[in-house]
Amino acid sequence: MRTGKREKDTDQTFGKQMMELRQWTKQQNKGMTLIEVLVVVAILAITVGIAGVSISLATSRDAEKSAKIINDALESSRMYAMSKTGTFEVIIDGSAHTVSIADAGETEELPAKVDIFFPDIPGAGAAAITFDKSNGRVQSITVDGSNYTEKMLRISSRNQNGKTATVLLIVNTGKHYVEYN
């Protein structure tokens, strides 16, 4: 029986020693390990990187969106001109940030943070384009009240980061497409 009491005393002593060791360890372990710090820094770096890319993509898409709206308006006006009666003139107003189709009653707002400009015509702010009913070619282009007689018209949109998307309108055919820079 004495051995049982001795084991019990030994167990209690061992238990006390373990409790004291745990308390001592907690008191001594007040900081973070290097691995914990590296993991936190890595997570923060990944989060900041993803946020930066997301913001960049969001602003670069404004230029693409503006070019797509202009391109769609040109296509709609061309189709209206060839299939309906009336003069369906596309009016692109860079200062008002709008694209409209006269006689169709369609007006679309362009993103305000995008500059709309005509690279071949410095200082130009607005253009009006009409298509020929019989063949879909460009019938006339008026830029700021003056006739435009070149073979191609470029309409560009540039966002705040400098990303540019340009709609190219070929006068002889009426075809148009978007180039992304």
N, C-alpha and C. Protein backbone atom coordinates (compact mmCIF):
# COMPACT_ATOMS: atom_id res chain seq x y z
N MET A 1 0.80 -1.19 0.00
CA MET A 1 0.00 0.00 0.00
C MET A 1 0.85 1.26 0.00
N ARG A 2 2.00 1.14 0.63
CA ARG A 2 2.85 2.32 0.65
C ARG A 2 3.30 2.72 -0.74
N THR A 3 3.47 1.75 -1.59
CA THR A 3 3.89 2.10 -2.94
C THR A 3 2.81 2.88 -3.66
N GLY A 4 1.57 2.60 -3.35
CA GLY A 4 0.47 3.34 -3.99
C GLY A 4 0.47 4.79 -3.58
N LYS A 5 0.74 5.05 -2.26
CA LYS A 5 0.77 6.42 -1.78
C LYS A 5 1.95 7.17 -2.39
N ARG A 6 3.06 6.45 -2.51
CA ARG A 6 4.25 7.06 -3.07
C ARG A 6 3.99 7.44 -4.54
N GLU A 7 3.32 6.58 -5.28
CA GLU A 7 2.99 6.88 -6.68
C GLU A 7 2.07 8.08 -6.76
N LYS A 8 1.13 8.14 -5.80
CA LYS A 8 0.19 9.25 -5.79
C LYS A 8 0.93 10.55 -5.50
N ASP A 9 1.84 10.52 -4.54
CA ASP A 9 2.63 11.70 -4.22
C ASP A 9 3.50 12.11 -5.41
N THR A 10 4.06 11.11 -6.07
CA THR A 10 4.91 11.37 -7.23
C THR A 10 4.07 11.97 -8.36
N ASP A 11 2.87 11.45 -8.56
CA ASP A 11 1.98 11.99 -9.60
C ASP A 11 1.60 13.44 -9.31
N GLN A 12 1.31 13.74 -8.04
CA GLN A 12 0.94 15.10 -7.67
C GLN A 12 2.12 16.05 -7.86
N THR A 13 3.30 15.58 -7.46
CA THR A 13 4.50 16.40 -7.62
C THR A 13 4.78 16.63 -9.10
N PHE A 14 4.65 15.58 -9.88
CA PHE A 14 4.86 15.71 -11.33
C PHE A 14 3.84 16.66 -11.94
N GLY A 15 2.58 16.57 -11.50
CA GLY A 15 1.53 17.46 -12.00
C GLY A 15 1.82 18.91 -11.67
N LYS A 16 2.30 19.16 -10.42
CA LYS A 16 2.65 20.52 -10.02
C LYS A 16 3.80 21.06 -10.87
N GLN A 17 4.78 20.19 -11.09
CA GLN A 17 5.93 20.60 -11.90
C GLN A 17 5.49 20.95 -13.33
N MET A 18 4.58 20.16 -13.87
CA MET A 18 4.09 20.44 -15.23
C MET A 18 3.33 21.77 -15.28
N MET A 19 2.51 22.03 -14.27
CA MET A 19 1.76 23.29 -14.22
C MET A 19 2.71 24.48 -14.11
N GLU A 20 3.73 24.33 -13.27
CA GLU A 20 4.71 25.39 -13.13
C GLU A 20 5.48 25.61 -14.43
N LEU A 21 5.80 24.52 -15.10
CA LEU A 21 6.50 24.61 -16.38
C LEU A 21 5.64 25.32 -17.43
N ARG A 22 4.36 25.00 -17.48
CA ARG A 22 3.45 25.66 -18.43
C ARG A 22 3.34 27.16 -18.15
N GLN A 23 3.20 27.51 -16.86
CA GLN A 23 3.10 28.92 -16.50
C GLN A 23 4.39 29.66 -16.85
N TRP A 24 5.52 29.03 -16.58
CA TRP A 24 6.80 29.64 -16.89
C TRP A 24 6.94 29.84 -18.39
N THR A 25 6.51 28.83 -19.18
CA THR A 25 6.59 28.90 -20.63
C THR A 25 5.72 30.04 -21.15
N LYS A 26 4.51 30.17 -20.60
CA LYS A 26 3.61 31.24 -21.04
C LYS A 26 4.21 32.61 -20.72
N GLN A 27 4.85 32.73 -19.58
CA GLN A 27 5.46 34.01 -19.20
C GLN A 27 6.65 34.35 -20.10
N GLN A 28 7.40 33.35 -20.48
CA GLN A 28 8.59 33.56 -21.30
C GLN A 28 8.25 33.75 -22.78
N ASN A 29 7.14 33.19 -23.22
CA ASN A 29 6.77 33.20 -24.64
C ASN A 29 5.80 34.35 -24.91
N LYS A 30 6.30 35.58 -24.92
CA LYS A 30 5.44 36.75 -25.11
C LYS A 30 5.46 37.26 -26.56
N GLY A 31 6.39 36.84 -27.38
CA GLY A 31 6.52 37.34 -28.74
C GLY A 31 6.01 36.36 -29.77
N MET A 32 6.26 36.73 -31.04
CA MET A 32 5.86 35.88 -32.16
C MET A 32 7.12 35.29 -32.77
N THR A 33 6.97 34.14 -33.36
CA THR A 33 8.11 33.52 -34.02
C THR A 33 8.33 34.18 -35.37
N LEU A 34 9.50 33.98 -35.91
CA LEU A 34 9.84 34.54 -37.21
C LEU A 34 8.91 34.00 -38.30
N ILE A 35 8.57 32.75 -38.21
CA ILE A 35 7.68 32.14 -39.20
C ILE A 35 6.30 32.80 -39.16
N GLU A 36 5.80 33.07 -37.96
CA GLU A 36 4.49 33.73 -37.85
C GLU A 36 4.53 35.12 -38.48
N VAL A 37 5.60 35.85 -38.25
CA VAL A 37 5.74 37.19 -38.83
C VAL A 37 5.81 37.09 -40.35
N LEU A 38 6.57 36.15 -40.88
CA LEU A 38 6.69 35.99 -42.33
C LEU A 38 5.35 35.62 -42.97
N VAL A 39 4.58 34.77 -42.31
CA VAL A 39 3.27 34.38 -42.84
C VAL A 39 2.35 35.60 -42.91
N VAL A 40 2.34 36.41 -41.86
CA VAL A 40 1.49 37.61 -41.84
C VAL A 40 1.92 38.59 -42.93
N VAL A 41 3.21 38.80 -43.09
CA VAL A 41 3.71 39.71 -44.12
C VAL A 41 3.36 39.19 -45.51
N ALA A 42 3.48 37.89 -45.73
CA ALA A 42 3.14 37.31 -47.03
C ALA A 42 1.66 37.49 -47.34
N ILE A 43 0.81 37.26 -46.36
CA ILE A 43 -0.64 37.43 -46.57
C ILE A 43 -0.96 38.89 -46.91
N LEU A 44 -0.35 39.82 -46.19
CA LEU A 44 -0.58 41.25 -46.47
C LEU A 44 -0.08 41.62 -47.87
N ALA A 45 1.06 41.10 -48.27
CA ALA A 45 1.60 41.41 -49.61
C ALA A 45 0.69 40.88 -50.70
N ILE A 46 0.17 39.69 -50.53
CA ILE A 46 -0.75 39.12 -51.52
C ILE A 46 -2.02 39.95 -51.61
N THR A 47 -2.56 40.35 -50.47
CA THR A 47 -3.79 41.15 -50.44
C THR A 47 -3.59 42.49 -51.14
N VAL A 48 -2.49 43.16 -50.85
CA VAL A 48 -2.21 44.46 -51.48
C VAL A 48 -2.01 44.29 -52.99
N GLY A 49 -1.33 43.23 -53.39
CA GLY A 49 -1.12 42.97 -54.82
C GLY A 49 -2.41 42.74 -55.57
N ILE A 50 -3.30 41.96 -54.99
CA ILE A 50 -4.59 41.69 -55.62
C ILE A 50 -5.42 42.97 -55.72
N ALA A 51 -5.41 43.77 -54.66
CA ALA A 51 -6.17 45.03 -54.68
C ALA A 51 -5.63 45.97 -55.76
N GLY A 52 -4.31 46.05 -55.89
CA GLY A 52 -3.71 46.92 -56.90
C GLY A 52 -4.07 46.51 -58.31
N VAL A 53 -4.02 45.22 -58.58
CA VAL A 53 -4.37 44.72 -59.90
C VAL A 53 -5.84 44.96 -60.19
N SER A 54 -6.70 44.76 -59.20
CA SER A 54 -8.14 44.96 -59.39
C SER A 54 -8.45 46.41 -59.73
N ILE A 55 -7.83 47.33 -59.03
CA ILE A 55 -8.06 48.76 -59.29
C ILE A 55 -7.55 49.13 -60.68
N SER A 56 -6.40 48.63 -61.05
CA SER A 56 -5.84 48.91 -62.38
C SER A 56 -6.74 48.37 -63.48
N LEU A 57 -7.24 47.16 -63.32
CA LEU A 57 -8.14 46.58 -64.32
C LEU A 57 -9.44 47.36 -64.43
N ALA A 58 -9.96 47.78 -63.29
CA ALA A 58 -11.23 48.51 -63.31
C ALA A 58 -11.10 49.83 -64.06
N THR A 59 -10.00 50.55 -63.85
CA THR A 59 -9.85 51.83 -64.55
C THR A 59 -9.47 51.64 -66.01
N SER A 60 -8.72 50.59 -66.34
CA SER A 60 -8.35 50.39 -67.73
C SER A 60 -9.54 49.97 -68.57
N ARG A 61 -10.52 49.39 -67.97
CA ARG A 61 -11.70 48.95 -68.71
C ARG A 61 -12.60 50.12 -69.10
N ASP A 62 -12.45 51.27 -68.45
CA ASP A 62 -13.26 52.43 -68.82
C ASP A 62 -12.97 52.86 -70.26
N ALA A 63 -11.71 52.86 -70.65
CA ALA A 63 -11.34 53.23 -72.03
C ALA A 63 -11.92 52.22 -73.01
N GLU A 64 -11.81 50.94 -72.68
CA GLU A 64 -12.36 49.90 -73.54
C GLU A 64 -13.88 50.01 -73.64
N LYS A 65 -14.52 50.30 -72.51
CA LYS A 65 -15.98 50.42 -72.50
C LYS A 65 -16.42 51.59 -73.38
N SER A 66 -15.73 52.72 -73.29
CA SER A 66 -16.08 53.88 -74.11
C SER A 66 -15.93 53.57 -75.60
N ALA A 67 -14.84 52.92 -75.96
CA ALA A 67 -14.62 52.57 -77.37
C ALA A 67 -15.69 51.60 -77.86
N LYS A 68 -16.08 50.67 -77.01
CA LYS A 68 -17.12 49.70 -77.40
C LYS A 68 -18.46 50.41 -77.59
N ILE A 69 -18.80 51.34 -76.72
CA ILE A 69 -20.05 52.10 -76.86
C ILE A 69 -20.06 52.87 -78.17
N ILE A 70 -18.94 53.54 -78.49
CA ILE A 70 -18.85 54.30 -79.74
C ILE A 70 -18.95 53.36 -80.94
N ASN A 71 -18.25 52.25 -80.89
CA ASN A 71 -18.28 51.28 -81.99
C ASN A 71 -19.70 50.72 -82.18
N ASP A 72 -20.38 50.41 -81.08
CA ASP A 72 -21.76 49.90 -81.16
C ASP A 72 -22.70 50.95 -81.75
N ALA A 73 -22.50 52.23 -81.38
CA ALA A 73 -23.35 53.30 -81.92
C ALA A 73 -23.12 53.45 -83.43
N LEU A 74 -21.87 53.34 -83.87
CA LEU A 74 -21.59 53.41 -85.31
C LEU A 74 -22.27 52.26 -86.04
N GLU A 75 -22.20 51.06 -85.48
CA GLU A 75 -22.82 49.89 -86.11
C GLU A 75 -24.34 50.05 -86.16
N SER A 76 -24.94 50.50 -85.06
CA SER A 76 -26.40 50.69 -85.03
C SER A 76 -26.83 51.73 -86.05
N SER A 77 -26.12 52.84 -86.12
CA SER A 77 -26.47 53.90 -87.07
C SER A 77 -26.35 53.41 -88.50
N ARG A 78 -25.31 52.66 -88.78
CA ARG A 78 -25.11 52.11 -90.13
C ARG A 78 -26.25 51.16 -90.50
N MET A 79 -26.64 50.31 -89.57
CA MET A 79 -27.74 49.36 -89.82
C MET A 79 -29.07 50.09 -89.97
N TYR A 80 -29.31 51.10 -89.12
CA TYR A 80 -30.54 51.89 -89.25
C TYR A 80 -30.58 52.57 -90.62
N ALA A 81 -29.46 53.17 -91.03
CA ALA A 81 -29.41 53.89 -92.31
C ALA A 81 -29.73 52.97 -93.47
N MET A 82 -29.26 51.73 -93.43
CA MET A 82 -29.47 50.80 -94.54
C MET A 82 -30.84 50.13 -94.49
N SER A 83 -31.51 50.14 -93.35
CA SER A 83 -32.76 49.39 -93.25
C SER A 83 -34.00 50.25 -93.00
N LYS A 84 -33.83 51.49 -92.60
CA LYS A 84 -34.98 52.34 -92.28
C LYS A 84 -34.89 53.65 -93.03
N THR A 85 -35.99 54.38 -93.02
CA THR A 85 -35.97 55.71 -93.63
C THR A 85 -35.59 56.73 -92.57
N GLY A 86 -34.87 57.73 -92.99
CA GLY A 86 -34.43 58.77 -92.06
C GLY A 86 -32.93 58.92 -92.13
N THR A 87 -32.44 59.94 -91.46
CA THR A 87 -31.01 60.19 -91.38
C THR A 87 -30.57 59.84 -89.97
N PHE A 88 -29.83 58.80 -89.86
CA PHE A 88 -29.38 58.33 -88.55
C PHE A 88 -27.93 58.75 -88.35
N GLU A 89 -27.78 59.93 -87.81
CA GLU A 89 -26.48 60.55 -87.62
C GLU A 89 -25.95 60.20 -86.23
N VAL A 90 -24.71 59.71 -86.18
CA VAL A 90 -24.06 59.45 -84.89
C VAL A 90 -23.35 60.73 -84.47
N ILE A 91 -23.65 61.18 -83.27
CA ILE A 91 -23.01 62.39 -82.74
C ILE A 91 -22.17 61.97 -81.54
N ILE A 92 -20.87 62.15 -81.67
CA ILE A 92 -19.94 61.81 -80.59
C ILE A 92 -19.45 63.13 -80.01
N ASP A 93 -19.83 63.39 -78.77
CA ASP A 93 -19.47 64.64 -78.11
C ASP A 93 -18.50 64.32 -76.97
N GLY A 94 -17.22 64.61 -77.20
CA GLY A 94 -16.20 64.29 -76.21
C GLY A 94 -16.30 65.12 -74.95
N SER A 95 -16.72 66.38 -75.07
CA SER A 95 -16.80 67.23 -73.88
C SER A 95 -18.01 66.88 -73.01
N ALA A 96 -19.11 66.45 -73.62
CA ALA A 96 -20.30 66.06 -72.85
C ALA A 96 -20.28 64.58 -72.48
N HIS A 97 -19.31 63.85 -73.00
CA HIS A 97 -19.19 62.40 -72.76
C HIS A 97 -20.46 61.65 -73.16
N THR A 98 -20.96 61.95 -74.36
CA THR A 98 -22.16 61.27 -74.85
C THR A 98 -21.96 60.81 -76.29
N VAL A 99 -22.71 59.78 -76.63
CA VAL A 99 -22.81 59.30 -78.00
C VAL A 99 -24.30 59.15 -78.26
N SER A 100 -24.78 59.78 -79.34
CA SER A 100 -26.21 59.69 -79.62
C SER A 100 -26.43 59.40 -81.10
N ILE A 101 -27.60 58.84 -81.39
CA ILE A 101 -28.00 58.58 -82.77
C ILE A 101 -29.27 59.39 -83.01
N ALA A 102 -29.12 60.43 -83.86
CA ALA A 102 -30.26 61.28 -84.19
C ALA A 102 -31.29 60.45 -84.95
N ASP A 103 -32.54 60.77 -84.83
CA ASP A 103 -33.69 60.09 -85.43
C ASP A 103 -33.98 58.73 -84.78
N ALA A 104 -33.07 58.19 -84.02
CA ALA A 104 -33.33 56.93 -83.33
C ALA A 104 -33.64 57.20 -81.86
N GLY A 105 -33.32 58.41 -81.41
CA GLY A 105 -33.59 58.77 -80.02
C GLY A 105 -32.72 58.04 -79.02
N GLU A 106 -31.57 57.57 -79.44
CA GLU A 106 -30.67 56.84 -78.54
C GLU A 106 -29.53 57.75 -78.11
N THR A 107 -29.31 57.83 -76.81
CA THR A 107 -28.17 58.56 -76.27
C THR A 107 -27.53 57.71 -75.18
N GLU A 108 -26.23 57.62 -75.22
CA GLU A 108 -25.52 56.81 -74.23
C GLU A 108 -24.43 57.66 -73.59
N GLU A 109 -24.35 57.58 -72.27
CA GLU A 109 -23.31 58.28 -71.52
C GLU A 109 -22.01 57.48 -71.58
N LEU A 110 -20.92 58.18 -71.72
CA LEU A 110 -19.60 57.55 -71.66
C LEU A 110 -19.03 57.78 -70.26
N PRO A 111 -18.15 56.90 -69.79
CA PRO A 111 -17.55 57.10 -68.46
C PRO A 111 -16.90 58.48 -68.35
N ALA A 112 -17.17 59.17 -67.26
CA ALA A 112 -16.69 60.55 -67.08
C ALA A 112 -15.18 60.64 -66.91
N LYS A 113 -14.55 59.58 -66.44
CA LYS A 113 -13.11 59.62 -66.18
C LYS A 113 -12.28 59.27 -67.42
N VAL A 114 -12.91 59.29 -68.58
CA VAL A 114 -12.23 58.94 -69.83
C VAL A 114 -12.24 60.16 -70.74
N ASP A 115 -11.09 60.44 -71.36
CA ASP A 115 -11.00 61.52 -72.34
C ASP A 115 -11.34 60.95 -73.71
N ILE A 116 -12.28 61.60 -74.41
CA ILE A 116 -12.63 61.23 -75.78
C ILE A 116 -12.01 62.28 -76.69
N PHE A 117 -11.22 61.83 -77.66
CA PHE A 117 -10.56 62.78 -78.54
C PHE A 117 -10.35 62.16 -79.92
N PHE A 118 -10.00 63.02 -80.86
CA PHE A 118 -9.76 62.62 -82.25
C PHE A 118 -8.27 62.86 -82.52
N PRO A 119 -7.44 61.81 -82.49
CA PRO A 119 -5.98 62.00 -82.59
C PRO A 119 -5.52 62.72 -83.86
N ASP A 120 -6.26 62.57 -84.96
CA ASP A 120 -5.85 63.19 -86.22
C ASP A 120 -6.30 64.64 -86.32
N ILE A 121 -7.15 65.09 -85.39
CA ILE A 121 -7.69 66.45 -85.43
C ILE A 121 -7.48 67.08 -84.05
N PRO A 122 -6.32 67.65 -83.79
CA PRO A 122 -6.05 68.22 -82.47
C PRO A 122 -7.08 69.28 -82.07
N GLY A 123 -7.55 69.21 -80.86
CA GLY A 123 -8.50 70.18 -80.33
C GLY A 123 -9.95 69.93 -80.68
N ALA A 124 -10.23 68.94 -81.52
CA ALA A 124 -11.62 68.66 -81.90
C ALA A 124 -12.37 68.07 -80.71
N GLY A 125 -13.65 68.47 -80.58
CA GLY A 125 -14.43 68.00 -79.44
C GLY A 125 -15.62 67.15 -79.79
N ALA A 126 -16.16 67.31 -81.02
CA ALA A 126 -17.36 66.56 -81.39
C ALA A 126 -17.32 66.21 -82.88
N ALA A 127 -17.98 65.10 -83.19
CA ALA A 127 -18.07 64.66 -84.59
C ALA A 127 -19.47 64.14 -84.86
N ALA A 128 -19.94 64.38 -86.09
CA ALA A 128 -21.24 63.86 -86.54
C ALA A 128 -20.98 63.02 -87.79
N ILE A 129 -21.48 61.79 -87.78
CA ILE A 129 -21.21 60.84 -88.87
C ILE A 129 -22.53 60.30 -89.40
N THR A 130 -22.70 60.34 -90.73
CA THR A 130 -23.88 59.73 -91.35
C THR A 130 -23.43 58.69 -92.36
N PHE A 131 -24.27 57.67 -92.53
CA PHE A 131 -23.96 56.58 -93.46
C PHE A 131 -24.90 56.62 -94.65
N ASP A 132 -24.42 56.16 -95.80
CA ASP A 132 -25.20 56.09 -97.04
C ASP A 132 -26.17 54.92 -96.95
N LYS A 133 -27.43 55.17 -97.30
CA LYS A 133 -28.47 54.15 -97.23
C LYS A 133 -28.23 53.00 -98.19
N SER A 134 -27.70 53.28 -99.37
CA SER A 134 -27.58 52.24 -100.41
C SER A 134 -26.45 51.24 -100.16
N ASN A 135 -25.34 51.68 -99.59
CA ASN A 135 -24.20 50.77 -99.47
C ASN A 135 -23.54 50.73 -98.09
N GLY A 136 -23.97 51.54 -97.16
CA GLY A 136 -23.41 51.53 -95.81
C GLY A 136 -22.10 52.28 -95.66
N ARG A 137 -21.65 52.92 -96.73
CA ARG A 137 -20.43 53.73 -96.64
C ARG A 137 -20.72 55.00 -95.86
N VAL A 138 -19.65 55.66 -95.45
CA VAL A 138 -19.81 56.93 -94.77
C VAL A 138 -20.22 57.98 -95.80
N GLN A 139 -21.33 58.65 -95.51
CA GLN A 139 -21.83 59.68 -96.42
C GLN A 139 -21.17 61.02 -96.09
N SER A 140 -21.09 61.33 -94.80
CA SER A 140 -20.44 62.59 -94.41
C SER A 140 -19.94 62.49 -92.96
N ILE A 141 -18.87 63.25 -92.73
CA ILE A 141 -18.34 63.40 -91.37
C ILE A 141 -18.13 64.88 -91.15
N THR A 142 -18.68 65.38 -90.07
CA THR A 142 -18.50 66.77 -89.69
C THR A 142 -17.84 66.79 -88.32
N VAL A 143 -16.70 67.47 -88.24
CA VAL A 143 -15.98 67.57 -86.96
C VAL A 143 -15.96 69.04 -86.55
N ASP A 144 -16.58 69.33 -85.43
CA ASP A 144 -16.70 70.71 -84.93
C ASP A 144 -17.19 71.67 -86.01
N GLY A 145 -18.18 71.23 -86.80
CA GLY A 145 -18.80 72.07 -87.81
C GLY A 145 -18.10 72.09 -89.16
N SER A 146 -16.94 71.46 -89.30
CA SER A 146 -16.21 71.44 -90.57
C SER A 146 -16.25 70.04 -91.17
N ASN A 147 -16.33 69.99 -92.51
CA ASN A 147 -16.34 68.69 -93.19
C ASN A 147 -14.98 68.01 -93.05
N TYR A 148 -15.02 66.73 -92.82
CA TYR A 148 -13.81 65.91 -92.68
C TYR A 148 -13.70 65.06 -93.94
N THR A 149 -12.58 65.16 -94.65
CA THR A 149 -12.46 64.51 -95.96
C THR A 149 -11.38 63.43 -96.02
N GLU A 150 -10.82 63.05 -94.92
CA GLU A 150 -9.77 62.02 -94.93
C GLU A 150 -10.38 60.64 -95.15
N LYS A 151 -9.54 59.64 -95.38
CA LYS A 151 -10.00 58.28 -95.66
C LYS A 151 -10.35 57.49 -94.41
N MET A 152 -9.86 57.97 -93.26
CA MET A 152 -10.11 57.25 -92.02
C MET A 152 -10.27 58.24 -90.87
N LEU A 153 -11.19 57.93 -89.96
CA LEU A 153 -11.39 58.75 -88.77
C LEU A 153 -11.07 57.89 -87.56
N ARG A 154 -10.19 58.42 -86.69
CA ARG A 154 -9.87 57.72 -85.44
C ARG A 154 -10.51 58.46 -84.28
N ILE A 155 -11.22 57.69 -83.46
CA ILE A 155 -11.87 58.23 -82.27
C ILE A 155 -11.28 57.47 -81.09
N SER A 156 -10.57 58.18 -80.22
CA SER A 156 -9.86 57.51 -79.13
C SER A 156 -10.46 57.84 -77.77
N SER A 157 -10.33 56.89 -76.87
CA SER A 157 -10.71 57.10 -75.47
C SER A 157 -9.51 56.70 -74.61
N ARG A 158 -9.16 57.59 -73.67
CA ARG A 158 -8.00 57.35 -72.82
C ARG A 158 -8.41 57.50 -71.36
N ASN A 159 -8.04 56.51 -70.54
CA ASN A 159 -8.38 56.59 -69.12
C ASN A 159 -7.30 57.35 -68.36
N GLN A 160 -7.47 57.45 -67.05
CA GLN A 160 -6.53 58.22 -66.23
C GLN A 160 -5.15 57.58 -66.14
N ASN A 161 -5.06 56.29 -66.40
CA ASN A 161 -3.77 55.60 -66.36
C ASN A 161 -3.03 55.64 -67.69
N GLY A 162 -3.64 56.26 -68.70
CA GLY A 162 -3.01 56.37 -70.01
C GLY A 162 -3.35 55.25 -70.97
N LYS A 163 -4.17 54.29 -70.56
CA LYS A 163 -4.59 53.21 -71.46
C LYS A 163 -5.53 53.80 -72.50
N THR A 164 -5.33 53.40 -73.76
CA THR A 164 -6.11 53.97 -74.85
C THR A 164 -6.76 52.87 -75.67
N ALA A 165 -7.99 53.13 -76.07
CA ALA A 165 -8.70 52.27 -77.03
C ALA A 165 -9.19 53.20 -78.14
N THR A 166 -9.00 52.78 -79.38
CA THR A 166 -9.32 53.64 -80.52
C THR A 166 -10.27 52.94 -81.47
N VAL A 167 -11.33 53.66 -81.87
CA VAL A 167 -12.24 53.17 -82.90
C VAL A 167 -11.75 53.74 -84.23
N LEU A 168 -11.53 52.86 -85.19
CA LEU A 168 -11.11 53.29 -86.53
C LEU A 168 -12.30 53.13 -87.47
N LEU A 169 -12.66 54.21 -88.14
CA LEU A 169 -13.77 54.22 -89.09
C LEU A 169 -13.19 54.43 -90.49
N ILE A 170 -13.38 53.44 -91.36
CA ILE A 170 -12.90 53.53 -92.74
C ILE A 170 -14.01 54.19 -93.56
N VAL A 171 -13.73 55.35 -94.12
CA VAL A 171 -14.74 56.15 -94.81
C VAL A 171 -15.27 55.46 -96.06
N ASN A 172 -14.42 54.88 -96.89
CA ASN A 172 -14.84 54.29 -98.17
C ASN A 172 -15.78 53.10 -98.00
N THR A 173 -15.63 52.35 -96.93
CA THR A 173 -16.44 51.14 -96.75
C THR A 173 -17.48 51.26 -95.64
N GLY A 174 -17.27 52.16 -94.71
CA GLY A 174 -18.17 52.27 -93.56
C GLY A 174 -17.84 51.28 -92.46
N LYS A 175 -16.83 50.47 -92.69
CA LYS A 175 -16.41 49.49 -91.68
C LYS A 175 -15.71 50.21 -90.54
N HIS A 176 -15.78 49.61 -89.38
CA HIS A 176 -15.15 50.19 -88.20
C HIS A 176 -14.77 49.07 -87.24
N TYR A 177 -13.74 49.32 -86.47
CA TYR A 177 -13.28 48.34 -85.49
C TYR A 177 -12.53 49.05 -84.38
N VAL A 178 -12.28 48.31 -83.30
CA VAL A 178 -11.62 48.88 -82.12
C VAL A 178 -10.21 48.31 -82.01
N GLU A 179 -9.26 49.19 -81.75
CA GLU A 179 -7.88 48.79 -81.44
C GLU A 179 -7.60 49.12 -79.99
N TYR A 180 -7.02 48.17 -79.27
CA TYR A 180 -6.69 48.38 -77.87
C TYR A 180 -5.19 48.55 -77.73
N ASN A 181 -4.76 49.63 -77.09
CA ASN A 181 -3.33 49.89 -76.89
C ASN A 181 -2.99 49.74 -75.44
